[in-house]
């Protein structure tokens, strides 16, 4: 598959994982009020970790270089040809 198709597949897969996460979060059983509070806090932290990672990816130049703000706005990146010796 070409690069765009691979990126599209990853986007669909991530969407499926997020839907499953939210469905599972909604179905958590109860272990009693004290434990439920801690479990809810932990599960919320997992969701914040995913979102935080996305934000961090656009805050730094690690993945998108000096154009990271433009990429965040447009969601478009310019790829270069691999350099082989």
PDB file of N, CA and C in Angstrom:
ATOM      1  N   UNK A   1       0.855  -1.175   0.000  1.00  0.00           N
ATOM      2  CA  UNK A   1       0.000   0.000   0.000  1.00  0.00           C
ATOM      3  C   UNK A   1       0.891   1.224   0.000  1.00  0.00           C
ATOM      4  N   UNK A   2       0.389   2.314  -0.559  1.00  0.00           N
ATOM      5  CA  UNK A   2       1.181   3.534  -0.584  1.00  0.00           C
ATOM      6  C   UNK A   2       1.099   4.239   0.774  1.00  0.00           C
ATOM      7  N   UNK A   3       1.892   5.286   0.935  1.00  0.00           N
ATOM      8  CA  UNK A   3       2.008   5.979   2.215  1.00  0.00           C
ATOM      9  C   UNK A   3       0.682   6.594   2.663  1.00  0.00           C
ATOM     10  N   UNK A   4      -0.065   7.215   1.744  1.00  0.00           N
ATOM     11  CA  UNK A   4      -1.335   7.832   2.123  1.00  0.00           C
ATOM     12  C   UNK A   4      -2.340   6.792   2.589  1.00  0.00           C
ATOM     13  N   UNK A   5      -2.383   5.669   1.900  1.00  0.00           N
ATOM     14  CA  UNK A   5      -3.288   4.597   2.297  1.00  0.00           C
ATOM     15  C   UNK A   5      -2.910   4.072   3.681  1.00  0.00           C
ATOM     16  N   UNK A   6      -1.620   3.934   3.940  1.00  0.00           N
ATOM     17  CA  UNK A   6      -1.161   3.483   5.258  1.00  0.00           C
ATOM     18  C   UNK A   6      -1.568   4.485   6.341  1.00  0.00           C
ATOM     19  N   UNK A   7      -1.392   5.770   6.075  1.00  0.00           N
ATOM     20  CA  UNK A   7      -1.780   6.797   7.046  1.00  0.00           C
ATOM     21  C   UNK A   7      -3.284   6.768   7.283  1.00  0.00           C
ATOM     22  N   UNK A   8      -4.048   6.597   6.226  1.00  0.00           N
ATOM     23  CA  UNK A   8      -5.509   6.499   6.372  1.00  0.00           C
ATOM     24  C   UNK A   8      -5.899   5.284   7.218  1.00  0.00           C
ATOM     25  N   UNK A   9      -5.238   4.162   6.988  1.00  0.00           N
ATOM     26  CA  UNK A   9      -5.519   2.943   7.754  1.00  0.00           C
ATOM     27  C   UNK A   9      -5.214   3.155   9.237  1.00  0.00           C
ATOM     28  N   UNK A  10      -4.110   3.808   9.525  1.00  0.00           N
ATOM     29  CA  UNK A  10      -3.747   4.088  10.919  1.00  0.00           C
ATOM     30  C   UNK A  10      -4.799   4.991  11.561  1.00  0.00           C
ATOM     31  N   UNK A  11      -5.282   5.983  10.816  1.00  0.00           N
ATOM     32  CA  UNK A  11      -6.326   6.867  11.338  1.00  0.00           C
ATOM     33  C   UNK A  11      -7.600   6.112  11.669  1.00  0.00           C
ATOM     34  N   UNK A  12      -7.995   5.200  10.798  1.00  0.00           N
ATOM     35  CA  UNK A  12      -9.187   4.381  11.056  1.00  0.00           C
ATOM     36  C   UNK A  12      -8.956   3.489  12.269  1.00  0.00           C
ATOM     37  N   UNK A  13      -7.792   2.876  12.341  1.00  0.00           N
ATOM     38  CA  UNK A  13      -7.469   1.991  13.461  1.00  0.00           C
ATOM     39  C   UNK A  13      -7.479   2.756  14.783  1.00  0.00           C
ATOM     40  N   UNK A  14      -6.871   3.941  14.795  1.00  0.00           N
ATOM     41  CA  UNK A  14      -6.867   4.758  16.010  1.00  0.00           C
ATOM     42  C   UNK A  14      -8.299   5.105  16.420  1.00  0.00           C
ATOM     43  N   UNK A  15      -9.138   5.451  15.459  1.00  0.00           N
ATOM     44  CA  UNK A  15     -10.535   5.755  15.752  1.00  0.00           C
ATOM     45  C   UNK A  15     -11.251   4.574  16.388  1.00  0.00           C
ATOM     46  N   UNK A  16     -10.971   3.374  15.876  1.00  0.00           N
ATOM     47  CA  UNK A  16     -11.570   2.163  16.443  1.00  0.00           C
ATOM     48  C   UNK A  16     -11.084   1.924  17.867  1.00  0.00           C
ATOM     49  N   UNK A  17      -9.778   2.129  18.090  1.00  0.00           N
ATOM     50  CA  UNK A  17      -9.240   1.963  19.435  1.00  0.00           C
ATOM     51  C   UNK A  17      -9.855   2.962  20.407  1.00  0.00           C
ATOM     52  N   UNK A  18     -10.037   4.195  19.968  1.00  0.00           N
ATOM     53  CA  UNK A  18     -10.614   5.214  20.837  1.00  0.00           C
ATOM     54  C   UNK A  18     -12.071   4.890  21.170  1.00  0.00           C
ATOM     55  N   UNK A  19     -12.817   4.439  20.173  1.00  0.00           N
ATOM     56  CA  UNK A  19     -14.210   4.035  20.441  1.00  0.00           C
ATOM     57  C   UNK A  19     -14.258   2.891  21.446  1.00  0.00           C
ATOM     58  N   UNK A  20     -13.377   1.927  21.289  1.00  0.00           N
ATOM     59  CA  UNK A  20     -13.338   0.792  22.219  1.00  0.00           C
ATOM     60  C   UNK A  20     -12.951   1.253  23.620  1.00  0.00           C
ATOM     61  N   UNK A  21     -11.983   2.146  23.715  1.00  0.00           N
ATOM     62  CA  UNK A  21     -11.573   2.681  25.018  1.00  0.00           C
ATOM     63  C   UNK A  21     -12.750   3.359  25.711  1.00  0.00           C
ATOM     64  N   UNK A  22     -13.462   4.207  24.990  1.00  0.00           N
ATOM     65  CA  UNK A  22     -14.597   4.917  25.583  1.00  0.00           C
ATOM     66  C   UNK A  22     -15.727   3.961  25.964  1.00  0.00           C
ATOM     67  N   UNK A  23     -15.968   2.954  25.137  1.00  0.00           N
ATOM     68  CA  UNK A  23     -17.005   1.966  25.464  1.00  0.00           C
ATOM     69  C   UNK A  23     -16.614   1.180  26.713  1.00  0.00           C
ATOM     70  N   UNK A  24     -15.358   0.760  26.782  1.00  0.00           N
ATOM     71  CA  UNK A  24     -14.896   0.012  27.955  1.00  0.00           C
ATOM     72  C   UNK A  24     -14.923   0.881  29.214  1.00  0.00           C
ATOM     73  N   UNK A  25     -14.558   2.145  29.061  1.00  0.00           N
ATOM     74  CA  UNK A  25     -14.599   3.077  30.189  1.00  0.00           C
ATOM     75  C   UNK A  25     -16.031   3.196  30.735  1.00  0.00           C
ATOM     76  N   UNK A  26     -16.998   3.237  29.847  1.00  0.00           N
ATOM     77  CA  UNK A  26     -18.396   3.367  30.259  1.00  0.00           C
ATOM     78  C   UNK A  26     -18.910   2.093  30.935  1.00  0.00           C
ATOM     79  N   UNK A  27     -18.272   0.956  30.687  1.00  0.00           N
ATOM     80  CA  UNK A  27     -18.732  -0.325  31.223  1.00  0.00           C
ATOM     81  C   UNK A  27     -17.937  -0.801  32.434  1.00  0.00           C
ATOM     82  N   UNK A  28     -17.096   0.036  32.982  1.00  0.00           N
ATOM     83  CA  UNK A  28     -16.299  -0.409  34.129  1.00  0.00           C
ATOM     84  C   UNK A  28     -17.213  -0.849  35.273  1.00  0.00           C
ATOM     85  N   UNK A  29     -16.893  -1.984  35.883  1.00  0.00           N
ATOM     86  CA  UNK A  29     -17.695  -2.414  37.027  1.00  0.00           C
ATOM     87  C   UNK A  29     -17.360  -1.576  38.258  1.00  0.00           C
ATOM     88  N   UNK A  30     -18.101  -1.763  39.285  1.00  0.00           N
ATOM     89  CA  UNK A  30     -17.850  -1.065  40.542  1.00  0.00           C
ATOM     90  C   UNK A  30     -17.151  -2.000  41.512  1.00  0.00           C
ATOM     91  N   UNK A  31     -16.141  -1.477  42.175  1.00  0.00           N
ATOM     92  CA  UNK A  31     -15.438  -2.211  43.231  1.00  0.00           C
ATOM     93  C   UNK A  31     -15.638  -1.529  44.584  1.00  0.00           C
ATOM     94  N   UNK A  32     -16.602  -0.641  44.618  1.00  0.00           N
ATOM     95  CA  UNK A  32     -16.860   0.120  45.847  1.00  0.00           C
ATOM     96  C   UNK A  32     -16.388   1.550  45.681  1.00  0.00           C
ATOM     97  N   UNK A  33     -16.958   2.476  46.433  1.00  0.00           N
ATOM     98  CA  UNK A  33     -16.685   3.904  46.249  1.00  0.00           C
ATOM     99  C   UNK A  33     -15.210   4.292  46.322  1.00  0.00           C
ATOM    100  N   UNK A  34     -14.470   3.718  47.265  1.00  0.00           N
ATOM    101  CA  UNK A  34     -13.053   4.099  47.405  1.00  0.00           C
ATOM    102  C   UNK A  34     -12.228   3.666  46.199  1.00  0.00           C
ATOM    103  N   UNK A  35     -12.422   2.443  45.758  1.00  0.00           N
ATOM    104  CA  UNK A  35     -11.660   1.924  44.620  1.00  0.00           C
ATOM    105  C   UNK A  35     -12.146   2.579  43.326  1.00  0.00           C
ATOM    106  N   UNK A  36     -13.438   2.783  43.185  1.00  0.00           N
ATOM    107  CA  UNK A  36     -13.989   3.381  41.959  1.00  0.00           C
ATOM    108  C   UNK A  36     -13.373   4.750  41.673  1.00  0.00           C
ATOM    109  N   UNK A  37     -13.152   5.540  42.705  1.00  0.00           N
ATOM    110  CA  UNK A  37     -12.549   6.865  42.524  1.00  0.00           C
ATOM    111  C   UNK A  37     -11.150   6.725  41.944  1.00  0.00           C
ATOM    112  N   UNK A  38     -10.363   5.818  42.496  1.00  0.00           N
ATOM    113  CA  UNK A  38      -8.993   5.626  42.000  1.00  0.00           C
ATOM    114  C   UNK A  38      -8.970   5.062  40.583  1.00  0.00           C
ATOM    115  N   UNK A  39      -9.857   4.121  40.302  1.00  0.00           N
ATOM    116  CA  UNK A  39      -9.925   3.540  38.955  1.00  0.00           C
ATOM    117  C   UNK A  39     -10.320   4.615  37.945  1.00  0.00           C
ATOM    118  N   UNK A  40     -11.308   5.426  38.293  1.00  0.00           N
ATOM    119  CA  UNK A  40     -11.746   6.506  37.390  1.00  0.00           C
ATOM    120  C   UNK A  40     -10.605   7.487  37.133  1.00  0.00           C
ATOM    121  N   UNK A  41      -9.868   7.823  38.170  1.00  0.00           N
ATOM    122  CA  UNK A  41      -8.729   8.744  38.014  1.00  0.00           C
ATOM    123  C   UNK A  41      -7.669   8.137  37.099  1.00  0.00           C
ATOM    124  N   UNK A  42      -7.387   6.854  37.273  1.00  0.00           N
ATOM    125  CA  UNK A  42      -6.394   6.179  36.443  1.00  0.00           C
ATOM    126  C   UNK A  42      -6.834   6.123  34.980  1.00  0.00           C
ATOM    127  N   UNK A  43      -8.076   5.741  34.736  1.00  0.00           N
ATOM    128  CA  UNK A  43      -8.585   5.641  33.365  1.00  0.00           C
ATOM    129  C   UNK A  43      -8.609   7.023  32.703  1.00  0.00           C
ATOM    130  N   UNK A  44      -8.997   8.055  33.438  1.00  0.00           N
ATOM    131  CA  UNK A  44      -8.947   9.419  32.892  1.00  0.00           C
ATOM    132  C   UNK A  44      -7.518   9.802  32.526  1.00  0.00           C
ATOM    133  N   UNK A  45      -6.564   9.416  33.369  1.00  0.00           N
ATOM    134  CA  UNK A  45      -5.159   9.722  33.082  1.00  0.00           C
ATOM    135  C   UNK A  45      -4.702   9.047  31.798  1.00  0.00           C
ATOM    136  N   UNK A  46      -5.181   7.831  31.539  1.00  0.00           N
ATOM    137  CA  UNK A  46      -4.825   7.157  30.283  1.00  0.00           C
ATOM    138  C   UNK A  46      -5.320   7.955  29.076  1.00  0.00           C
ATOM    139  N   UNK A  47      -6.549   8.464  29.161  1.00  0.00           N
ATOM    140  CA  UNK A  47      -7.087   9.279  28.076  1.00  0.00           C
ATOM    141  C   UNK A  47      -6.316  10.580  27.907  1.00  0.00           C
ATOM    142  N   UNK A  48      -5.952  11.212  29.023  1.00  0.00           N
ATOM    143  CA  UNK A  48      -5.179  12.457  28.955  1.00  0.00           C
ATOM    144  C   UNK A  48      -3.788  12.213  28.381  1.00  0.00           C
ATOM    145  N   UNK A  49      -3.216  11.035  28.652  1.00  0.00           N
ATOM    146  CA  UNK A  49      -1.894  10.716  28.130  1.00  0.00           C
ATOM    147  C   UNK A  49      -1.919  10.703  26.596  1.00  0.00           C
ATOM    148  N   UNK A  50      -2.937  10.096  26.013  1.00  0.00           N
ATOM    149  CA  UNK A  50      -3.037  10.034  24.554  1.00  0.00           C
ATOM    150  C   UNK A  50      -3.161  11.444  23.977  1.00  0.00           C
ATOM    151  N   UNK A  51      -4.049  12.241  24.532  1.00  0.00           N
ATOM    152  CA  UNK A  51      -4.254  13.605  24.032  1.00  0.00           C
ATOM    153  C   UNK A  51      -2.996  14.449  24.252  1.00  0.00           C
ATOM    154  N   UNK A  52      -2.387  14.292  25.424  1.00  0.00           N
ATOM    155  CA  UNK A  52      -1.160  15.040  25.715  1.00  0.00           C
ATOM    156  C   UNK A  52      -0.044  14.710  24.745  1.00  0.00           C
ATOM    157  N   UNK A  53       0.059  13.447  24.366  1.00  0.00           N
ATOM    158  CA  UNK A  53       1.082  13.057  23.403  1.00  0.00           C
ATOM    159  C   UNK A  53       0.849  13.729  22.053  1.00  0.00           C
ATOM    160  N   UNK A  54      -0.401  13.809  21.638  1.00  0.00           N
ATOM    161  CA  UNK A  54      -0.711  14.495  20.378  1.00  0.00           C
ATOM    162  C   UNK A  54      -0.329  15.975  20.456  1.00  0.00           C
ATOM    163  N   UNK A  55      -0.700  16.619  21.549  1.00  0.00           N
ATOM    164  CA  UNK A  55      -0.360  18.042  21.710  1.00  0.00           C
ATOM    165  C   UNK A  55       1.156  18.238  21.716  1.00  0.00           C
ATOM    166  N   UNK A  56       1.861  17.386  22.443  1.00  0.00           N
ATOM    167  CA  UNK A  56       3.313  17.503  22.515  1.00  0.00           C
ATOM    168  C   UNK A  56       3.942  17.339  21.131  1.00  0.00           C
ATOM    169  N   UNK A  57       3.381  16.442  20.329  1.00  0.00           N
ATOM    170  CA  UNK A  57       3.928  16.216  18.989  1.00  0.00           C
ATOM    171  C   UNK A  57       3.883  17.477  18.142  1.00  0.00           C
ATOM    172  N   UNK A  58       2.900  18.337  18.376  1.00  0.00           N
ATOM    173  CA  UNK A  58       2.805  19.586  17.615  1.00  0.00           C
ATOM    174  C   UNK A  58       3.512  20.740  18.313  1.00  0.00           C
ATOM    175  N   UNK A  59       3.749  20.645  19.606  1.00  0.00           N
ATOM    176  CA  UNK A  59       4.430  21.719  20.338  1.00  0.00           C
ATOM    177  C   UNK A  59       5.920  21.747  20.038  1.00  0.00           C
ATOM    178  N   UNK A  60       6.490  20.572  19.794  1.00  0.00           N
ATOM    179  CA  UNK A  60       7.930  20.482  19.579  1.00  0.00           C
ATOM    180  C   UNK A  60       8.224  20.353  18.078  1.00  0.00           C
ATOM    181  N   UNK A  61       9.491  20.445  17.758  1.00  0.00           N
ATOM    182  CA  UNK A  61       9.907  20.300  16.363  1.00  0.00           C
ATOM    183  C   UNK A  61      10.365  18.875  16.054  1.00  0.00           C
ATOM    184  N   UNK A  62      10.206  17.979  16.983  1.00  0.00           N
ATOM    185  CA  UNK A  62      10.722  16.617  16.818  1.00  0.00           C
ATOM    186  C   UNK A  62      10.200  15.932  15.565  1.00  0.00           C
ATOM    187  N   UNK A  63       8.905  16.003  15.308  1.00  0.00           N
ATOM    188  CA  UNK A  63       8.335  15.268  14.190  1.00  0.00           C
ATOM    189  C   UNK A  63       8.148  16.103  12.932  1.00  0.00           C
ATOM    190  N   UNK A  64       7.881  17.392  13.092  1.00  0.00           N
ATOM    191  CA  UNK A  64       7.522  18.211  11.938  1.00  0.00           C
ATOM    192  C   UNK A  64       8.467  19.374  11.697  1.00  0.00           C
ATOM    193  N   UNK A  65       9.560  19.444  12.440  1.00  0.00           N
ATOM    194  CA  UNK A  65      10.560  20.475  12.237  1.00  0.00           C
ATOM    195  C   UNK A  65      10.001  21.862  12.505  1.00  0.00           C
ATOM    196  N   UNK A  66      10.612  22.865  11.865  1.00  0.00           N
ATOM    197  CA  UNK A  66      10.197  24.244  12.117  1.00  0.00           C
ATOM    198  C   UNK A  66       8.780  24.559  11.630  1.00  0.00           C
ATOM    199  N   UNK A  67       8.197  23.679  10.836  1.00  0.00           N
ATOM    200  CA  UNK A  67       6.832  23.897  10.340  1.00  0.00           C
ATOM    201  C   UNK A  67       5.774  23.270  11.250  1.00  0.00           C
ATOM    202  N   UNK A  68       6.137  22.915  12.468  1.00  0.00           N
ATOM    203  CA  UNK A  68       5.215  22.170  13.329  1.00  0.00           C
ATOM    204  C   UNK A  68       3.902  22.896  13.575  1.00  0.00           C
ATOM    205  N   UNK A  69       3.912  24.215  13.668  1.00  0.00           N
ATOM    206  CA  UNK A  69       2.660  24.961  13.869  1.00  0.00           C
ATOM    207  C   UNK A  69       1.785  24.911  12.610  1.00  0.00           C
ATOM    208  N   UNK A  70       2.418  25.025  11.455  1.00  0.00           N
ATOM    209  CA  UNK A  70       1.674  24.956  10.195  1.00  0.00           C
ATOM    210  C   UNK A  70       1.059  23.568  10.016  1.00  0.00           C
ATOM    211  N   UNK A  71       1.822  22.542  10.341  1.00  0.00           N
ATOM    212  CA  UNK A  71       1.314  21.171  10.237  1.00  0.00           C
ATOM    213  C   UNK A  71       0.138  20.982  11.199  1.00  0.00           C
ATOM    214  N   UNK A  72       0.231  21.559  12.387  1.00  0.00           N
ATOM    215  CA  UNK A  72      -0.875  21.452  13.344  1.00  0.00           C
ATOM    216  C   UNK A  72      -2.150  22.082  12.782  1.00  0.00           C
ATOM    217  N   UNK A  73      -1.995  23.226  12.129  1.00  0.00           N
ATOM    218  CA  UNK A  73      -3.161  23.927  11.551  1.00  0.00           C
ATOM    219  C   UNK A  73      -3.733  23.200  10.347  1.00  0.00           C
ATOM    220  N   UNK A  74      -2.867  22.799   9.440  1.00  0.00           N
ATOM    221  CA  UNK A  74      -3.314  22.269   8.149  1.00  0.00           C
ATOM    222  C   UNK A  74      -3.426  20.745   8.116  1.00  0.00           C
ATOM    223  N   UNK A  75      -2.702  20.077   9.008  1.00  0.00           N
ATOM    224  CA  UNK A  75      -2.605  18.615   9.022  1.00  0.00           C
ATOM    225  C   UNK A  75      -1.981  18.070   7.736  1.00  0.00           C
ATOM    226  N   UNK A  76      -1.180  18.904   7.079  1.00  0.00           N
ATOM    227  CA  UNK A  76      -0.474  18.501   5.859  1.00  0.00           C
ATOM    228  C   UNK A  76       1.020  18.518   6.111  1.00  0.00           C
ATOM    229  N   UNK A  77       1.708  17.489   5.640  1.00  0.00           N
ATOM    230  CA  UNK A  77       3.162  17.468   5.748  1.00  0.00           C
ATOM    231  C   UNK A  77       3.758  17.214   4.372  1.00  0.00           C
ATOM    232  N   UNK A  78       4.967  17.705   4.185  1.00  0.00           N
ATOM    233  CA  UNK A  78       5.695  17.475   2.952  1.00  0.00           C
ATOM    234  C   UNK A  78       6.771  16.444   3.242  1.00  0.00           C
ATOM    235  N   UNK A  79       6.747  15.357   2.519  1.00  0.00           N
ATOM    236  CA  UNK A  79       7.731  14.303   2.710  1.00  0.00           C
ATOM    237  C   UNK A  79       8.861  14.482   1.722  1.00  0.00           C
ATOM    238  N   UNK A  80      10.030  14.069   2.131  1.00  0.00           N
ATOM    239  CA  UNK A  80      11.166  14.097   1.211  1.00  0.00           C
ATOM    240  C   UNK A  80      11.541  12.672   0.857  1.00  0.00           C
ATOM    241  N   UNK A  81      12.219  12.517  -0.234  1.00  0.00           N
ATOM    242  CA  UNK A  81      12.657  11.195  -0.657  1.00  0.00           C
ATOM    243  C   UNK A  81      13.701  10.664   0.340  1.00  0.00           C
ATOM    244  N   UNK A  82      13.660   9.377   0.609  1.00  0.00           N
ATOM    245  CA  UNK A  82      14.686   8.805   1.487  1.00  0.00           C
ATOM    246  C   UNK A  82      16.069   8.981   0.854  1.00  0.00           C
ATOM    247  N   UNK A  83      17.049   9.183   1.702  1.00  0.00           N
ATOM    248  CA  UNK A  83      18.430   9.330   1.200  1.00  0.00           C
ATOM    249  C   UNK A  83      19.152   8.019   1.392  1.00  0.00           C
ATOM    250  N   UNK A  84      19.527   7.389   0.271  1.00  0.00           N
ATOM    251  CA  UNK A  84      20.250   6.140   0.319  1.00  0.00           C
ATOM    252  C   UNK A  84      21.655   6.371  -0.249  1.00  0.00           C
ATOM    253  N   UNK A  85      22.649   5.750   0.363  1.00  0.00           N
ATOM    254  CA  UNK A  85      24.031   5.900  -0.167  1.00  0.00           C
ATOM    255  C   UNK A  85      24.206   5.217  -1.506  1.00  0.00           C
TER     256      UNK A  85
END
